[in-house]
Amino acid sequence: MGIDFGTKRVGVALSDETSQYAFPHAVIENIGMTRVVDEIVKICQAENVSQIVLGESRGFDGKENDIMKKVHKFKSELQSKLSVPIVLEPEFMTSAEAGRLQGSRSDLLDASAAALILKSYIDKNK
C-alpha cells in the first residue's frame, strides 16, 4: 500500500499481486487522525496489505517540511494498530505530477499521487 498523507485528504494506492504496478485506490478525507487511521486499517485488512509505503515530504532544501511532523504522528498511530512494516519513501511534487498526468480535477488525484510514491518504492526495490 502507498499513502500520500495530506492535511485535507489522504491518498491510498495498492499494488498488484506481483508488486510490479501501483494503482490509485481511494481518497480519504482527513477530518481527524483517528478516522483516517481506522479507514487505512480497514483497507489493509480487506486487501491483505503486507507493507505500507508512506510518502516522506521534504522541502526544496532537502529538510523535513512542516507536514512531516504530522506524517510521523500518523505513522506512529498506524504502527500501533497494524503489524505490517511501514517505510518512508521520499516524495517530491507527486500531487503536481499526478495532476499533470491525469488533470487536476480527478477525484482520485491524491490516490494517484500515492500510486506514484508506491511505484517509486517498487522500482527502487526490485
C-alpha atoms as a PDB file:
ATOM      1  CA  MET A   1       0.000   0.000   0.000  1.00  0.00           C
ATOM      2  CA  GLY A   2       1.164   3.513  -0.787  1.00  0.00           C
ATOM      3  CA  ILE A   3      -0.047   6.544   1.150  1.00  0.00           C
ATOM      4  CA  ASP A   4       0.152  10.224   0.273  1.00  0.00           C
ATOM      5  CA  PHE A   5      -0.665  11.959   3.566  1.00  0.00           C
ATOM      6  CA  GLY A   6      -2.192  15.399   3.345  1.00  0.00           C
ATOM      7  CA  THR A   7      -3.860  17.706   5.829  1.00  0.00           C
ATOM      8  CA  LYS A   8      -7.068  17.749   3.758  1.00  0.00           C
ATOM      9  CA  ARG A   9      -7.006  14.363   2.021  1.00  0.00           C
ATOM     10  CA  VAL A  10      -5.055  11.122   2.248  1.00  0.00           C
ATOM     11  CA  GLY A  11      -4.443   9.235  -0.980  1.00  0.00           C
ATOM     12  CA  VAL A  12      -4.217   5.450  -0.941  1.00  0.00           C
ATOM     13  CA  ALA A  13      -2.770   3.200  -3.642  1.00  0.00           C
ATOM     14  CA  LEU A  14      -2.364  -0.553  -3.877  1.00  0.00           C
ATOM     15  CA  SER A  15      -0.023  -2.747  -5.862  1.00  0.00           C
ATOM     16  CA  ASP A  16      -0.881  -5.842  -7.854  1.00  0.00           C
ATOM     17  CA  GLU A  17      -0.117  -9.341  -6.523  1.00  0.00           C
ATOM     18  CA  THR A  18       3.319  -9.351  -8.161  1.00  0.00           C
ATOM     19  CA  SER A  19       4.242  -5.954  -6.664  1.00  0.00           C
ATOM     20  CA  GLN A  20       5.134  -4.558 -10.072  1.00  0.00           C
ATOM     21  CA  TYR A  21       2.408  -1.973 -10.564  1.00  0.00           C
ATOM     22  CA  ALA A  22       0.718   0.627  -8.390  1.00  0.00           C
ATOM     23  CA  PHE A  23      -2.899   1.679  -8.786  1.00  0.00           C
ATOM     24  CA  PRO A  24      -4.914   4.512  -7.217  1.00  0.00           C
ATOM     25  CA  HIS A  25      -7.355   3.005  -4.730  1.00  0.00           C
ATOM     26  CA  ALA A  26      -9.084   5.598  -2.543  1.00  0.00           C
ATOM     27  CA  VAL A  27      -9.051   9.111  -1.171  1.00  0.00           C
ATOM     28  CA  ILE A  28      -9.906   9.586   2.496  1.00  0.00           C
ATOM     29  CA  GLU A  29     -10.996  12.997   3.729  1.00  0.00           C
ATOM     30  CA  ASN A  30      -8.701  13.971   6.582  1.00  0.00           C
ATOM     31  CA  ILE A  31     -11.221  15.094   9.168  1.00  0.00           C
ATOM     32  CA  GLY A  32      -9.295  13.563  12.039  1.00  0.00           C
ATOM     33  CA  MET A  33      -6.304  11.308  12.590  1.00  0.00           C
ATOM     34  CA  THR A  34      -8.350   8.550  14.270  1.00  0.00           C
ATOM     35  CA  ARG A  35     -10.796   8.316  11.370  1.00  0.00           C
ATOM     36  CA  VAL A  36      -8.036   8.194   8.764  1.00  0.00           C
ATOM     37  CA  VAL A  37      -6.114   5.528  10.690  1.00  0.00           C
ATOM     38  CA  ASP A  38      -9.285   3.445  11.095  1.00  0.00           C
ATOM     39  CA  GLU A  39     -10.005   3.663   7.349  1.00  0.00           C
ATOM     40  CA  ILE A  40      -6.442   2.632   6.479  1.00  0.00           C
ATOM     41  CA  VAL A  41      -6.662  -0.312   8.889  1.00  0.00           C
ATOM     42  CA  LYS A  42      -9.919  -1.450   7.216  1.00  0.00           C
ATOM     43  CA  ILE A  43      -8.334  -1.272   3.761  1.00  0.00           C
ATOM     44  CA  CYS A  44      -5.258  -3.153   4.976  1.00  0.00           C
ATOM     45  CA  GLN A  45      -7.407  -5.938   6.356  1.00  0.00           C
ATOM     46  CA  ALA A  46      -9.669  -6.148   3.307  1.00  0.00           C
ATOM     47  CA  GLU A  47      -6.773  -6.130   0.837  1.00  0.00           C
ATOM     48  CA  ASN A  48      -4.273  -8.255   2.814  1.00  0.00           C
ATOM     49  CA  VAL A  49      -1.689  -5.472   2.812  1.00  0.00           C
ATOM     50  CA  SER A  50       1.768  -6.708   3.805  1.00  0.00           C
ATOM     51  CA  GLN A  51       3.641  -3.374   3.815  1.00  0.00           C
ATOM     52  CA  ILE A  52       2.884   0.336   3.780  1.00  0.00           C
ATOM     53  CA  VAL A  53       4.938   2.892   1.877  1.00  0.00           C
ATOM     54  CA  LEU A  54       4.304   6.353   3.288  1.00  0.00           C
ATOM     55  CA  GLY A  55       5.360   9.478   1.428  1.00  0.00           C
ATOM     56  CA  GLU A  56       8.186  11.402   3.089  1.00  0.00           C
ATOM     57  CA  SER A  57       7.766  15.099   2.392  1.00  0.00           C
ATOM     58  CA  ARG A  58      10.751  17.424   2.272  1.00  0.00           C
ATOM     59  CA  GLY A  59      11.289  20.976   1.112  1.00  0.00           C
ATOM     60  CA  PHE A  60      13.449  22.140  -1.763  1.00  0.00           C
ATOM     61  CA  ASP A  61      16.356  22.312   0.690  1.00  0.00           C
ATOM     62  CA  GLY A  62      16.045  18.588   1.444  1.00  0.00           C
ATOM     63  CA  LYS A  63      14.934  19.157   5.026  1.00  0.00           C
ATOM     64  CA  GLU A  64      11.724  17.823   6.509  1.00  0.00           C
ATOM     65  CA  ASN A  65       8.920  20.308   5.995  1.00  0.00           C
ATOM     66  CA  ASP A  66       6.062  21.234   8.347  1.00  0.00           C
ATOM     67  CA  ILE A  67       3.804  18.370   7.288  1.00  0.00           C
ATOM     68  CA  MET A  68       6.400  15.769   8.298  1.00  0.00           C
ATOM     69  CA  LYS A  69       5.540  16.271  11.987  1.00  0.00           C
ATOM     70  CA  LYS A  70       2.022  15.110  11.143  1.00  0.00           C
ATOM     71  CA  VAL A  71       3.347  12.301   8.926  1.00  0.00           C
ATOM     72  CA  HIS A  72       5.495  10.982  11.796  1.00  0.00           C
ATOM     73  CA  LYS A  73       2.493  11.097  14.145  1.00  0.00           C
ATOM     74  CA  PHE A  74       0.335   9.374  11.541  1.00  0.00           C
ATOM     75  CA  LYS A  75       2.978   6.670  11.040  1.00  0.00           C
ATOM     76  CA  SER A  76       3.160   6.100  14.784  1.00  0.00           C
ATOM     77  CA  GLU A  77      -0.633   5.836  15.080  1.00  0.00           C
ATOM     78  CA  LEU A  78      -0.773   3.382  12.173  1.00  0.00           C
ATOM     79  CA  GLN A  79       2.054   1.291  13.601  1.00  0.00           C
ATOM     80  CA  SER A  80       0.212   0.990  16.914  1.00  0.00           C
ATOM     81  CA  LYS A  81      -2.773  -0.601  15.121  1.00  0.00           C
ATOM     82  CA  LEU A  82      -1.044  -2.663  12.434  1.00  0.00           C
ATOM     83  CA  SER A  83       1.702  -5.258  12.487  1.00  0.00           C
ATOM     84  CA  VAL A  84       2.896  -4.601   8.925  1.00  0.00           C
ATOM     85  CA  PRO A  85       6.112  -2.702   8.240  1.00  0.00           C
ATOM     86  CA  ILE A  86       5.725   0.973   7.409  1.00  0.00           C
ATOM     87  CA  VAL A  87       8.541   2.551   5.415  1.00  0.00           C
ATOM     88  CA  LEU A  88       9.073   6.130   4.307  1.00  0.00           C
ATOM     89  CA  GLU A  89       9.639   6.853   0.636  1.00  0.00           C
ATOM     90  CA  PRO A  90      10.847  10.278  -0.461  1.00  0.00           C
ATOM     91  CA  GLU A  91       8.202  12.069  -2.449  1.00  0.00           C
ATOM     92  CA  PHE A  92       8.598  15.316  -4.242  1.00  0.00           C
ATOM     93  CA  MET A  93       5.766  17.091  -6.019  1.00  0.00           C
ATOM     94  CA  THR A  94       3.784  13.865  -6.511  1.00  0.00           C
ATOM     95  CA  SER A  95       0.438  15.667  -6.336  1.00  0.00           C
ATOM     96  CA  ALA A  96       1.579  18.093  -9.024  1.00  0.00           C
ATOM     97  CA  GLU A  97       2.862  15.219 -11.158  1.00  0.00           C
ATOM     98  CA  ALA A  98      -0.388  13.290 -10.718  1.00  0.00           C
ATOM     99  CA  GLY A  99      -2.307  16.392 -11.782  1.00  0.00           C
ATOM    100  CA  ARG A 100      -0.095  16.811 -14.830  1.00  0.00           C
ATOM    101  CA  LEU A 101      -0.621  13.189 -15.842  1.00  0.00           C
ATOM    102  CA  GLN A 102      -4.371  13.000 -15.407  1.00  0.00           C
ATOM    103  CA  GLY A 103      -5.694  16.506 -14.956  1.00  0.00           C
ATOM    104  CA  SER A 104      -6.159  18.330 -11.686  1.00  0.00           C
ATOM    105  CA  ARG A 105      -9.909  17.749 -11.429  1.00  0.00           C
ATOM    106  CA  SER A 106      -9.790  14.000 -10.900  1.00  0.00           C
ATOM    107  CA  ASP A 107     -11.428  12.770  -7.712  1.00  0.00           C
ATOM    108  CA  LEU A 108      -8.567  10.268  -7.364  1.00  0.00           C
ATOM    109  CA  LEU A 109      -5.759  12.827  -7.661  1.00  0.00           C
ATOM    110  CA  ASP A 110      -4.429  12.125  -4.145  1.00  0.00           C
ATOM    111  CA  ALA A 111      -4.675   8.370  -4.720  1.00  0.00           C
ATOM    112  CA  SER A 112      -2.736   8.832  -7.952  1.00  0.00           C
ATOM    113  CA  ALA A 113      -0.044  10.690  -6.011  1.00  0.00           C
ATOM    114  CA  ALA A 114       0.054   7.720  -3.609  1.00  0.00           C
ATOM    115  CA  ALA A 115       0.456   5.399  -6.614  1.00  0.00           C
ATOM    116  CA  LEU A 116       3.469   7.444  -7.757  1.00  0.00           C
ATOM    117  CA  ILE A 117       5.029   7.105  -4.287  1.00  0.00           C
ATOM    118  CA  LEU A 118       4.375   3.362  -4.247  1.00  0.00           C
ATOM    119  CA  LYS A 119       5.699   2.882  -7.781  1.00  0.00           C
ATOM    120  CA  SER A 120       8.881   4.755  -6.894  1.00  0.00           C
ATOM    121  CA  TYR A 121       9.428   2.419  -3.957  1.00  0.00           C
ATOM    122  CA  ILE A 122       8.678  -0.663  -6.067  1.00  0.00           C
ATOM    123  CA  ASP A 123      11.115   0.414  -8.777  1.00  0.00           C
ATOM    124  CA  LYS A 124      13.910   1.076  -6.267  1.00  0.00           C
ATOM    125  CA  ASN A 125      13.452  -2.283  -4.558  1.00  0.00           C
ATOM    126  CA  LYS A 126      13.107  -4.689  -7.480  1.00  0.00           C
END
